[in-house]
Each structure stands twice: as structure tokens, then as C-alpha cells.
Amino acid sequence: MKNRILFISLGCDKNLVDTEMMLGMLVQRGFSITDDETEADAVVVNTCCFINDAKQESINTLLEMAELRKSGAVRALIAAGCLAQRYQDEIQKEIPEVDAIVGTTAIDAIVETLDEVLAGQGHNHLEDINRKPVYDRERIVTTGGHYAYLKIAEGCDKHCSYCIIPRVRGTYRSIPMDSLVQEAQRLVAFGAKEIILVAQETTLYGMDLYGEKRLPELLRRLCAIAGIYWIRILYCYPEEITDELIETIRREPKVCNYLDIPIQHASDRILKRMGRRTNRQELKNMITKLRDRIPDLCLRTTLITGFPGETQEDHASLLEFVDEMEFDRLGVFTYSPEEDTPAALFDDQIDEEVKLDRQADLMELQQEIAFEKAQETVGSTLLVMVEGKVPDEHAYVARSYKDAPNVDGFVFVQTGRELMTGDFVRVRITGSHEYDLIGEIEDEFTE
């Protein structure tokens, strides 16, 4: 029997795309995949190191799998992804059970790496982090199939003072548009109805290949693919949003009126220290423009609190901005000092207790905003995609265009009718519970 591989994917959805490509390569070469560690011959951990919590999760997972390797329960352990790329020497010194490292730009070497390690001849596969991204690979989609992520670029050129990504993922490199269209067609052929565009920054798509931003053109080409119902855009930097992009979102019915715009802060002083390219007024102007042009737009953002030098006045300024802008969706990270970033060397670091208090302040305010917005939805009708059935109840879990997978809320649909995952139905919203909505089927959806 061909060797069975346990694959553990940690971190972001961009990392998940890499995992799915590696799974596809392994299956094509005859490996079988298992989610049971007691059946595995080898384990691959695709790691993350974006913030300290993600780094710790990756380390703990490697240590747990190292115990299996040490006991002989598995014959090989491979570390891949960002943490492996960044701390390759430390990992192999501190966790000698790791047989090989696969870097962020060397995922196409996963089959060769496993073959070598299982033959007792393993060595690391690390490429230049600015190497052309790996694409045009068959993927094993792990999201259930009804939605899938489409990674449109690799790396980042922004060099924000707190971020390690350019050092582990390299410069911004777009994937050719024809290849993305073909990949989207393959994903649809395997059942995907929602395509979610991801990159470290989606709004700059095409600048390196074509000399201009081509995200609007990519969206129009994806909209032309039969079988796609929703296209969702994540990770849009506000300073790169063009009028053409706004108009494309507004005009194309398949493109969800949903934008994820990580602004990180709203104090001009902190934004400058972070190395961000926008100030408070520019952020306000862009948000106002977006809502004027697309009145039902759902806006998600993320913030960093407790950045070095952040005063109580800066925190109050951010609270005021959140209160004024009333984002539909919002997440808050406490600042995590990352080695080899400028911000980690700033001498005015904030105590963890203060960071957590400020995070709680922001989330308490956002909770009020979100709960009120959910309540305002009662009585309206939303198109939703079914995610699955609620066990032992006549109800289903679904998402509307306002809900990205794994980060936003749900719509709970009460019905005695039998529905399938991936079905679309129109739902009249009858109630809300915190971040989630409750509704009843109004009618079936047809294009």
C-alpha cells in the first residue's frame, strides 16, 4: 500500500491554498491522505508565524507530532510554510524529529521531499523567497467544495513596520490571469459556487505582470464563468482601491458587495509609525465613497491595538473612529512584536495587560454596533448559501453575502424542507442572536 500522509494546515487561507496544492500533488503521485494520526506513515505540518499566537500554535503542533515520530508511530515528519521558512535552523536544532523543511516557495518539492525522507535520505527544500509562485496545480479542496479560495498573488511590497510577511513570502508576485481563470474553472467543475480571492494584498493584482492594476479585469473574467454564483474579495488595502474596482463591484451581480479592508488603526501618528500608506481622513473618505457608490456594501476591517507608543489618546481616537464608521464586521489583534521587524525594536512597547484591556474596549464597542446592525436586518430578505444542517433540528446553517467563511457570522434557516450544502435560498430574516441571524425560507433561488 502506498504511504498514507497526515496533513495539518495552520494559519491563513493563503496557506490553506498551498496545502491543497501539496495534497493534490501527493494524490497524483499515488499517496493516500488520512486525518487519523494512528494510520499515518508521515506527517506534514504547514506552519504559520504571522503573530505570536500563530507561531506558538505551529510550534506546539510540531512538538506534538515529534512525539509520534520519536515513538515510531510515524516514519517521517516534515515542516512546511512560514515558520519553517523563517526558523529552519532553530526547528531542526530544537526539534530533531523534523526530518526535512519545505520552504514557502518550494511546495512543488513536497513529493520529492517525502520520497527522500521515507527512503532515509531526507534534506531541506528551500528556494529563493522571490521565486515565481507555484500555480497550475490540481488541488484537493478541503473547504467542503461549495466554496474555494483562489490565491491571486504571493508576497508583499508594503513593508509595514510590524509585519514579517515580506521576509518569509517575498516580494509581490501576481499569478497570470489566464492561469487564474483556468483554476477557477477547475474549482467550479469540482462543485465550487463561491470563489474567494485572497493574497497578502488583492488590490495590487497585476501591477508586477502588466504594469497596472488588473483586479477589475480579473473579476469580469471570473464573472463570465458559468457555475460561479458569488465572488468575494479579501485583503484590500484602502489606498489601492480604484474607481474602476468600485464600479466593477457595483455593476457585476456575481461580485459580493463585501470588502475586507484591514485599516489597522485610525490615529495618524500610529498609522505613520506602522508604515501604513493612509491617514485617518483618507480612510474616512474611502469608506464614505464606497458606501455612497455601493449602499448595501458590507465592510470588514481588522485593527491592531497596543502598538508601540500607542497612548490612551491614540486609543480613544481609534474608538471614536470605529464608533463613527460603524463597520459591519471587525476583528482586533493585540500587537505582537515579531523578530526582524522595525516595530519590535521600538523602545516604547506596551504592557500586555494594557493591550488586552484596549482590545476588550474595541470589541465591546463593535459588539454593540454589530448586534444593532443584525437587529436592523430583521424583516429583510437575504440570499444565503447553505453550509450544513443543524443536528437534530429542522434548521440549517447558512451564510449571506455579508459573511465570509470562518470569520463572520451565520444565518440559521428554520425549515422542514430538505436542503443540500451549497444550495442557495432566499430567506426572510425573522430574528437575530448576537452576531447571527435567524430566518425562514421565502423561496428557492434561480439565476
Protein backbone atom coordinates (compact mmCIF):
# COMPACT_ATOMS: atom_id res chain seq x y z
CA MET A 1 0.00 0.00 0.00
CA LYS A 2 1.26 3.49 -0.86
CA ASN A 3 2.25 5.62 2.13
CA ARG A 4 -0.50 7.49 3.98
CA ILE A 5 0.05 11.15 4.80
CA LEU A 6 -1.48 13.19 7.62
CA PHE A 7 -1.52 16.85 6.58
CA ILE A 8 -2.05 19.63 9.16
CA SER A 9 -2.64 23.12 7.77
CA LEU A 10 -2.29 26.09 10.13
CA GLY A 11 -2.68 29.82 9.67
CA CYS A 12 -4.43 31.76 6.94
CA ASP A 13 -6.47 30.81 3.91
CA LYS A 14 -3.49 31.61 1.66
CA ASN A 15 -1.57 28.89 3.50
CA LEU A 16 -4.57 26.61 3.00
CA VAL A 17 -4.29 27.03 -0.78
CA ASP A 18 -0.65 25.90 -0.57
CA THR A 19 -1.76 22.90 1.48
CA GLU A 20 -4.43 21.99 -1.07
CA MET A 21 -1.90 22.15 -3.90
CA MET A 22 0.52 19.93 -2.00
CA LEU A 23 -2.30 17.46 -1.30
CA GLY A 24 -3.12 17.41 -5.00
CA MET A 25 0.50 16.69 -5.94
CA LEU A 26 0.71 13.86 -3.42
CA VAL A 27 -2.53 12.21 -4.53
CA GLN A 28 -1.46 12.43 -8.17
CA ARG A 29 1.72 10.55 -7.26
CA GLY A 30 -0.22 7.78 -5.54
CA PHE A 31 0.00 8.82 -1.89
CA SER A 32 -3.16 8.47 0.18
CA ILE A 33 -4.34 11.10 2.65
CA THR A 34 -5.59 10.38 6.15
CA ASP A 35 -6.88 12.52 9.01
CA ASP A 36 -6.12 9.81 11.54
CA GLU A 37 -2.68 10.06 13.12
CA THR A 38 -2.81 6.39 14.09
CA GLU A 39 -2.95 5.43 10.40
CA ALA A 40 -0.33 7.86 9.08
CA ASP A 41 3.08 6.87 7.79
CA ALA A 42 4.19 10.51 7.60
CA VAL A 43 3.02 13.91 8.85
CA VAL A 44 3.34 17.28 7.09
CA VAL A 45 2.67 20.42 9.14
CA ASN A 46 2.14 23.58 7.08
CA THR A 47 3.07 26.21 9.64
CA CYS A 48 2.32 29.90 10.28
CA CYS A 49 4.31 32.63 12.05
CA PHE A 50 2.32 35.81 11.35
CA ILE A 51 1.75 36.68 15.03
CA ASN A 52 2.95 35.14 18.26
CA ASP A 53 -0.21 33.07 18.86
CA ALA A 54 0.09 31.53 15.39
CA LYS A 55 3.77 30.87 15.94
CA GLN A 56 3.08 29.15 19.24
CA GLU A 57 0.33 27.01 17.71
CA SER A 58 2.75 25.88 14.99
CA ILE A 59 5.48 25.06 17.50
CA ASN A 60 3.09 23.13 19.74
CA THR A 61 1.78 21.15 16.76
CA LEU A 62 5.32 20.27 15.65
CA LEU A 63 6.20 19.18 19.17
CA GLU A 64 3.08 17.01 19.38
CA MET A 65 3.86 15.37 16.03
CA ALA A 66 7.51 14.98 17.06
CA GLU A 67 6.34 12.67 19.85
CA LEU A 68 4.73 10.44 17.22
CA ARG A 69 7.95 10.48 15.21
CA LYS A 70 10.07 9.73 18.28
CA SER A 71 7.88 6.80 19.29
CA GLY A 72 7.98 5.33 15.79
CA ALA A 73 4.25 5.76 15.28
CA VAL A 74 5.08 7.68 12.09
CA ARG A 75 8.13 7.29 9.88
CA ALA A 76 8.56 10.90 8.79
CA LEU A 77 7.80 14.46 9.91
CA ILE A 78 8.06 17.43 7.56
CA ALA A 79 7.65 21.10 8.45
CA ALA A 80 6.46 23.42 5.68
CA GLY A 81 5.25 27.01 5.43
CA CYS A 82 6.15 30.32 7.05
CA LEU A 83 7.51 29.21 10.43
CA ALA A 84 9.59 26.52 8.74
CA GLN A 85 10.95 29.03 6.22
CA ARG A 86 11.82 31.60 8.86
CA TYR A 87 13.19 29.36 11.63
CA GLN A 88 14.56 26.41 9.71
CA ASP A 89 17.80 26.16 11.72
CA GLU A 90 16.10 26.58 15.09
CA ILE A 91 13.44 23.98 14.26
CA GLN A 92 15.95 21.31 13.31
CA LYS A 93 18.10 22.08 16.34
CA GLU A 94 15.26 22.13 18.88
CA ILE A 95 13.00 19.53 17.24
CA PRO A 96 15.40 17.00 15.68
CA GLU A 97 12.48 14.69 14.90
CA VAL A 98 11.68 17.01 11.97
CA ASP A 99 13.18 15.17 9.01
CA ALA A 100 13.01 17.97 6.43
CA ILE A 101 11.91 21.54 5.80
CA VAL A 102 9.88 22.68 2.78
CA GLY A 103 10.04 26.45 2.26
CA THR A 104 7.19 28.75 1.28
CA THR A 105 8.22 28.82 -2.39
CA ALA A 106 9.22 25.14 -2.60
CA ILE A 107 5.83 23.48 -2.13
CA ASP A 108 6.22 21.82 -5.55
CA ALA A 109 9.00 19.75 -3.94
CA ILE A 110 6.67 18.07 -1.44
CA VAL A 111 6.53 14.73 -3.31
CA GLU A 112 10.29 14.61 -3.77
CA THR A 113 10.80 15.53 -0.10
CA LEU A 114 8.52 12.77 1.16
CA ASP A 115 10.06 10.20 -1.17
CA GLU A 116 13.52 11.13 0.10
CA VAL A 117 12.60 11.16 3.78
CA LEU A 118 10.76 7.84 3.63
CA ALA A 119 13.82 6.38 1.92
CA GLY A 120 16.02 7.68 4.74
CA GLN A 121 17.68 10.37 2.62
CA GLY A 122 15.74 13.50 3.52
CA HIS A 123 17.07 17.01 3.08
CA ASN A 124 15.58 20.50 3.09
CA HIS A 125 13.99 22.11 0.06
CA LEU A 126 14.31 25.88 0.25
CA GLU A 127 14.06 28.21 -2.71
CA ASP A 128 14.56 31.96 -3.18
CA ILE A 129 11.56 33.58 -1.48
CA ASN A 130 11.12 35.77 -4.58
CA ARG A 131 10.82 32.78 -6.86
CA LYS A 132 7.83 32.66 -9.22
CA PRO A 133 4.84 31.39 -7.22
CA VAL A 134 3.68 27.82 -7.69
CA TYR A 135 0.41 27.60 -9.65
CA ASP A 136 -1.35 25.50 -12.31
CA ARG A 137 -1.52 22.53 -9.93
CA GLU A 138 -4.52 20.30 -9.30
CA ARG A 139 -5.83 20.90 -5.79
CA ILE A 140 -7.62 18.77 -3.25
CA VAL A 141 -10.16 21.30 -1.98
CA THR A 142 -10.63 20.94 1.78
CA THR A 143 -13.39 23.52 2.35
CA GLY A 144 -16.25 21.16 1.50
CA GLY A 145 -16.21 22.01 -2.18
CA HIS A 146 -19.07 24.53 -2.33
CA TYR A 147 -16.62 27.40 -1.85
CA ALA A 148 -12.91 27.65 -2.56
CA TYR A 149 -10.09 30.15 -2.18
CA LEU A 150 -8.28 31.47 -5.25
CA LYS A 151 -4.85 32.86 -4.39
CA ILE A 152 -4.14 35.54 -6.97
CA ALA A 153 -0.69 36.70 -5.82
CA GLU A 154 2.15 35.87 -3.47
CA GLY A 155 4.26 38.11 -1.24
CA CYS A 156 4.01 41.81 -0.35
CA ASP A 157 5.91 45.04 -1.07
CA LYS A 158 4.37 47.23 1.64
CA HIS A 159 6.88 46.53 4.45
CA CYS A 160 4.68 47.68 7.32
CA SER A 161 6.86 48.11 10.39
CA TYR A 162 5.14 45.30 12.35
CA CYS A 163 4.91 42.66 9.61
CA ILE A 164 7.25 39.78 8.82
CA ILE A 165 5.48 38.59 5.65
CA PRO A 166 7.89 40.14 3.07
CA ARG A 167 10.77 38.32 4.80
CA VAL A 168 9.13 34.90 4.54
CA ARG A 169 6.91 35.29 1.46
CA GLY A 170 8.98 37.65 -0.67
CA THR A 171 8.03 40.49 -2.97
CA TYR A 172 4.61 40.88 -4.58
CA ARG A 173 4.20 38.42 -7.48
CA SER A 174 0.90 38.13 -9.33
CA ILE A 175 -0.23 34.84 -10.85
CA PRO A 176 -1.01 35.19 -14.59
CA MET A 177 -4.66 35.92 -15.25
CA ASP A 178 -5.21 33.10 -17.73
CA SER A 179 -3.98 30.60 -15.13
CA LEU A 180 -6.32 32.03 -12.50
CA VAL A 181 -9.31 31.78 -14.84
CA GLN A 182 -8.42 28.17 -15.64
CA GLU A 183 -8.03 27.34 -11.95
CA ALA A 184 -11.40 28.91 -11.18
CA GLN A 185 -12.95 26.80 -13.94
CA ARG A 186 -11.45 23.66 -12.37
CA LEU A 187 -12.77 24.65 -8.95
CA VAL A 188 -16.26 25.16 -10.38
CA ALA A 189 -16.05 21.80 -12.13
CA PHE A 190 -15.47 20.23 -8.70
CA GLY A 191 -18.52 21.98 -7.25
CA ALA A 192 -17.38 25.42 -6.05
CA LYS A 193 -20.13 28.04 -6.27
CA GLU A 194 -18.29 30.77 -4.35
CA ILE A 195 -14.76 31.84 -5.27
CA ILE A 196 -12.90 33.87 -2.64
CA LEU A 197 -9.96 35.93 -3.89
CA VAL A 198 -7.02 36.06 -1.49
CA ALA A 199 -3.46 37.40 -1.45
CA GLN A 200 -1.41 39.40 1.02
CA GLU A 201 -2.98 42.29 -0.90
CA THR A 202 -5.56 41.66 -3.61
CA THR A 203 -5.93 45.26 -4.80
CA LEU A 204 -2.45 45.43 -6.34
CA TYR A 205 -3.08 42.41 -8.53
CA GLY A 206 -1.35 42.66 -11.89
CA MET A 207 1.00 45.60 -11.24
CA ASP A 208 4.13 43.46 -11.49
CA LEU A 209 2.99 41.48 -14.56
CA TYR A 210 1.05 44.05 -16.55
CA GLY A 211 2.24 47.42 -15.26
CA GLU A 212 -1.24 48.33 -13.97
CA LYS A 213 -3.84 47.09 -11.54
CA ARG A 214 -5.89 44.37 -13.19
CA LEU A 215 -8.17 43.18 -10.39
CA PRO A 216 -11.29 44.66 -12.08
CA GLU A 217 -10.48 42.82 -15.31
CA LEU A 218 -9.88 39.58 -13.41
CA LEU A 219 -13.24 39.98 -11.69
CA ARG A 220 -15.03 40.49 -15.01
CA ARG A 221 -13.41 37.40 -16.48
CA LEU A 222 -14.32 35.31 -13.45
CA CYS A 223 -17.90 36.58 -13.63
CA ALA A 224 -18.12 35.15 -17.15
CA ILE A 225 -17.57 31.59 -15.84
CA ALA A 226 -20.82 29.63 -15.73
CA GLY A 227 -21.41 27.99 -12.35
CA ILE A 228 -19.92 30.76 -10.22
CA TYR A 229 -22.60 32.43 -8.09
CA TRP A 230 -20.52 34.53 -5.70
CA ILE A 231 -17.07 36.11 -5.92
CA ARG A 232 -15.73 37.56 -2.67
CA ILE A 233 -12.67 39.82 -2.31
CA LEU A 234 -10.50 39.77 0.82
CA TYR A 235 -7.44 41.78 1.92
CA CYS A 236 -7.95 45.08 0.05
CA TYR A 237 -5.56 47.87 1.01
CA PRO A 238 -7.62 51.08 1.11
CA GLU A 239 -5.10 53.23 -0.74
CA GLU A 240 -5.14 50.88 -3.72
CA ILE A 241 -8.93 50.77 -4.23
CA THR A 242 -9.69 52.44 -7.57
CA ASP A 243 -12.88 53.87 -9.00
CA GLU A 244 -12.77 51.11 -11.61
CA LEU A 245 -12.74 48.46 -8.87
CA ILE A 246 -15.64 50.11 -7.06
CA GLU A 247 -17.64 50.30 -10.29
CA THR A 248 -16.90 46.67 -11.12
CA ILE A 249 -18.15 45.53 -7.71
CA ARG A 250 -21.24 47.70 -8.12
CA ARG A 251 -22.09 46.52 -11.64
CA GLU A 252 -21.23 42.83 -11.53
CA PRO A 253 -24.00 40.88 -9.75
CA LYS A 254 -21.75 37.89 -9.03
CA VAL A 255 -19.26 40.02 -7.08
CA CYS A 256 -20.43 40.18 -3.47
CA ASN A 257 -20.97 43.66 -2.11
CA TYR A 258 -18.43 42.84 0.56
CA LEU A 259 -14.93 44.21 1.08
CA ASP A 260 -12.32 43.30 3.65
CA ILE A 261 -10.18 46.41 4.24
CA PRO A 262 -7.60 45.98 7.03
CA ILE A 263 -7.01 49.58 8.20
CA GLN A 264 -5.08 48.56 11.39
CA HIS A 265 -5.56 51.93 13.17
CA ALA A 266 -7.06 55.41 12.84
CA SER A 267 -4.57 57.59 14.72
CA ASP A 268 -2.38 59.41 12.18
CA ARG A 269 0.64 59.14 14.47
CA ILE A 270 0.29 55.38 14.90
CA LEU A 271 -0.53 54.81 11.22
CA LYS A 272 2.72 56.59 10.33
CA ARG A 273 4.73 54.50 12.81
CA MET A 274 3.15 51.37 11.37
CA GLY A 275 4.34 52.35 7.90
CA ARG A 276 0.80 52.48 6.55
CA ARG A 277 0.06 54.49 3.41
CA THR A 278 -3.16 56.18 4.56
CA ASN A 279 -4.16 58.68 7.21
CA ARG A 280 -7.40 59.00 9.14
CA GLN A 281 -9.07 61.42 6.75
CA GLU A 282 -8.14 59.34 3.70
CA LEU A 283 -9.63 56.26 5.37
CA LYS A 284 -12.81 58.14 6.15
CA ASN A 285 -13.01 59.47 2.59
CA MET A 286 -12.60 55.99 1.08
CA ILE A 287 -15.19 54.40 3.38
CA THR A 288 -17.64 57.21 2.61
CA LYS A 289 -17.07 56.83 -1.14
CA LEU A 290 -17.54 53.07 -1.01
CA ARG A 291 -20.81 53.36 0.88
CA ASP A 292 -22.07 56.14 -1.37
CA ARG A 293 -21.40 54.09 -4.51
CA ILE A 294 -22.48 50.72 -3.07
CA PRO A 295 -25.15 51.44 -0.44
CA ASP A 296 -25.56 47.81 0.71
CA LEU A 297 -21.80 47.20 0.96
CA CYS A 298 -20.67 45.08 3.90
CA LEU A 299 -17.32 46.34 5.23
CA ARG A 300 -14.96 44.22 7.31
CA THR A 301 -11.76 45.52 8.85
CA THR A 302 -9.04 44.44 11.26
CA LEU A 303 -7.23 46.55 13.82
CA ILE A 304 -4.03 46.29 15.84
CA THR A 305 -4.18 47.62 19.39
CA GLY A 306 -1.28 48.17 21.77
CA PHE A 307 1.19 49.12 19.01
CA PRO A 308 4.44 50.54 20.46
CA GLY A 309 3.94 54.13 21.54
CA GLU A 310 0.15 53.97 21.41
CA THR A 311 -1.15 56.41 24.02
CA GLN A 312 -4.53 56.50 25.70
CA GLU A 313 -5.33 59.40 23.36
CA ASP A 314 -4.49 57.25 20.32
CA HIS A 315 -6.73 54.51 21.69
CA ALA A 316 -9.56 56.97 22.26
CA SER A 317 -9.12 58.24 18.71
CA LEU A 318 -9.46 54.71 17.36
CA LEU A 319 -12.57 54.09 19.46
CA GLU A 320 -14.09 57.29 18.13
CA PHE A 321 -13.34 56.26 14.54
CA VAL A 322 -14.89 52.81 15.00
CA ASP A 323 -17.96 54.39 16.57
CA GLU A 324 -18.30 56.84 13.67
CA MET A 325 -17.63 54.41 10.82
CA GLU A 326 -19.76 51.57 12.19
CA PHE A 327 -18.02 48.72 10.38
CA ASP A 328 -20.23 45.73 9.69
CA ARG A 329 -17.51 43.29 10.69
CA LEU A 330 -14.38 43.98 12.74
CA GLY A 331 -11.59 41.99 14.35
CA VAL A 332 -8.91 43.23 16.76
CA PHE A 333 -5.42 41.80 17.27
CA THR A 334 -3.15 42.81 20.11
CA TYR A 335 0.23 43.90 18.78
CA SER A 336 2.74 41.06 18.62
CA PRO A 337 6.43 42.06 18.36
CA GLU A 338 7.99 39.99 15.60
CA GLU A 339 11.73 39.46 15.30
CA ASP A 340 13.43 41.25 12.40
CA THR A 341 10.71 43.89 12.12
CA PRO A 342 11.37 47.57 12.87
CA ALA A 343 8.49 47.82 15.35
CA ALA A 344 9.96 45.08 17.54
CA LEU A 345 12.92 47.40 18.22
CA PHE A 346 10.81 50.40 19.21
CA ASP A 347 11.59 51.20 22.85
CA ASP A 348 8.06 52.19 23.87
CA GLN A 349 6.43 48.75 23.94
CA ILE A 350 3.02 48.43 25.62
CA ASP A 351 2.29 46.09 28.54
CA GLU A 352 0.26 43.01 27.61
CA GLU A 353 -2.40 43.82 30.19
CA VAL A 354 -2.93 47.25 28.60
CA LYS A 355 -3.15 45.67 25.13
CA LEU A 356 -5.81 43.24 26.30
CA ASP A 357 -7.81 45.99 28.02
CA ARG A 358 -7.78 48.08 24.86
CA GLN A 359 -8.74 45.08 22.74
CA ALA A 360 -11.69 44.48 25.06
CA ASP A 361 -12.74 48.14 24.76
CA LEU A 362 -12.79 47.93 20.97
CA MET A 363 -14.60 44.61 20.84
CA GLU A 364 -17.22 45.77 23.34
CA LEU A 365 -17.95 48.79 21.15
CA GLN A 366 -18.02 46.72 17.99
CA GLN A 367 -20.32 44.20 19.63
CA GLU A 368 -22.88 46.95 20.22
CA ILE A 369 -22.57 48.08 16.60
CA ALA A 370 -22.78 44.54 15.19
CA PHE A 371 -25.74 43.50 17.34
CA GLU A 372 -27.64 46.63 16.34
CA LYS A 373 -26.89 46.05 12.65
CA ALA A 374 -28.08 42.45 12.97
CA GLN A 375 -31.32 43.61 14.57
CA GLU A 376 -31.84 46.15 11.76
CA THR A 377 -31.74 43.26 9.27
CA VAL A 378 -34.92 41.72 10.70
CA GLY A 379 -37.72 41.91 8.15
CA SER A 380 -35.43 41.98 5.13
CA THR A 381 -34.78 39.17 2.66
CA LEU A 382 -31.32 37.79 2.01
CA LEU A 383 -29.95 35.26 -0.46
CA VAL A 384 -27.98 32.66 1.50
CA MET A 385 -25.78 29.67 0.75
CA VAL A 386 -26.41 26.56 2.85
CA GLU A 387 -23.39 25.36 4.82
CA GLY A 388 -24.90 22.34 6.57
CA LYS A 389 -27.66 21.03 8.79
CA VAL A 390 -28.06 21.75 12.49
CA PRO A 391 -28.01 18.30 14.18
CA ASP A 392 -31.37 17.07 15.47
CA GLU A 393 -33.21 20.24 14.41
CA HIS A 394 -35.28 21.38 11.45
CA ALA A 395 -32.72 24.05 10.69
CA TYR A 396 -29.68 24.74 8.52
CA VAL A 397 -26.58 26.87 8.87
CA ALA A 398 -26.07 29.30 6.01
CA ARG A 399 -24.13 32.42 5.00
CA SER A 400 -25.24 35.58 3.22
CA TYR A 401 -23.08 37.81 1.02
CA LYS A 402 -22.17 39.62 4.25
CA ASP A 403 -20.49 36.54 5.74
CA ALA A 404 -17.08 35.26 4.75
CA PRO A 405 -16.31 31.70 5.87
CA ASN A 406 -14.68 31.21 9.27
CA VAL A 407 -14.54 34.91 10.21
CA ASP A 408 -18.11 36.22 10.08
CA GLY A 409 -21.49 35.11 11.40
CA PHE A 410 -24.20 32.74 10.15
CA VAL A 411 -27.82 32.76 9.11
CA PHE A 412 -29.79 29.97 10.75
CA VAL A 413 -32.58 28.86 8.42
CA GLN A 414 -35.59 27.19 10.01
CA THR A 415 -37.33 24.81 7.62
CA GLY A 416 -38.69 21.30 7.36
CA ARG A 417 -37.56 21.19 3.75
CA GLU A 418 -34.51 19.12 2.83
CA LEU A 419 -31.60 21.25 1.65
CA MET A 420 -28.10 20.37 0.45
CA THR A 421 -24.80 22.07 1.25
CA GLY A 422 -24.17 24.66 -1.45
CA ASP A 423 -27.87 25.28 -2.16
CA PHE A 424 -28.98 28.89 -2.46
CA VAL A 425 -32.30 30.01 -0.97
CA ARG A 426 -33.92 33.35 -0.26
CA VAL A 427 -34.56 33.82 3.44
CA ARG A 428 -36.76 36.31 5.26
CA ILE A 429 -34.92 37.36 8.41
CA THR A 430 -37.17 36.92 11.45
CA GLY A 431 -34.72 37.49 14.28
CA SER A 432 -31.13 37.93 15.38
CA HIS A 433 -28.96 36.49 18.12
CA GLU A 434 -25.75 38.39 18.77
CA TYR A 435 -23.73 38.22 15.52
CA ASP A 436 -26.02 35.68 13.84
CA LEU A 437 -29.36 35.96 12.04
CA ILE A 438 -32.40 33.67 12.10
CA GLY A 439 -34.78 33.30 9.15
CA GLU A 440 -37.31 31.30 7.19
CA ILE A 441 -37.21 30.26 3.55
CA GLU A 442 -39.08 32.67 1.34
CA ASP A 443 -38.45 30.93 -1.99
CA GLU A 444 -35.92 28.95 -4.00
CA PHE A 445 -33.20 30.81 -5.83
CA THR A 446 -32.87 30.61 -9.58
CA GLU A 447 -30.49 32.61 -11.73
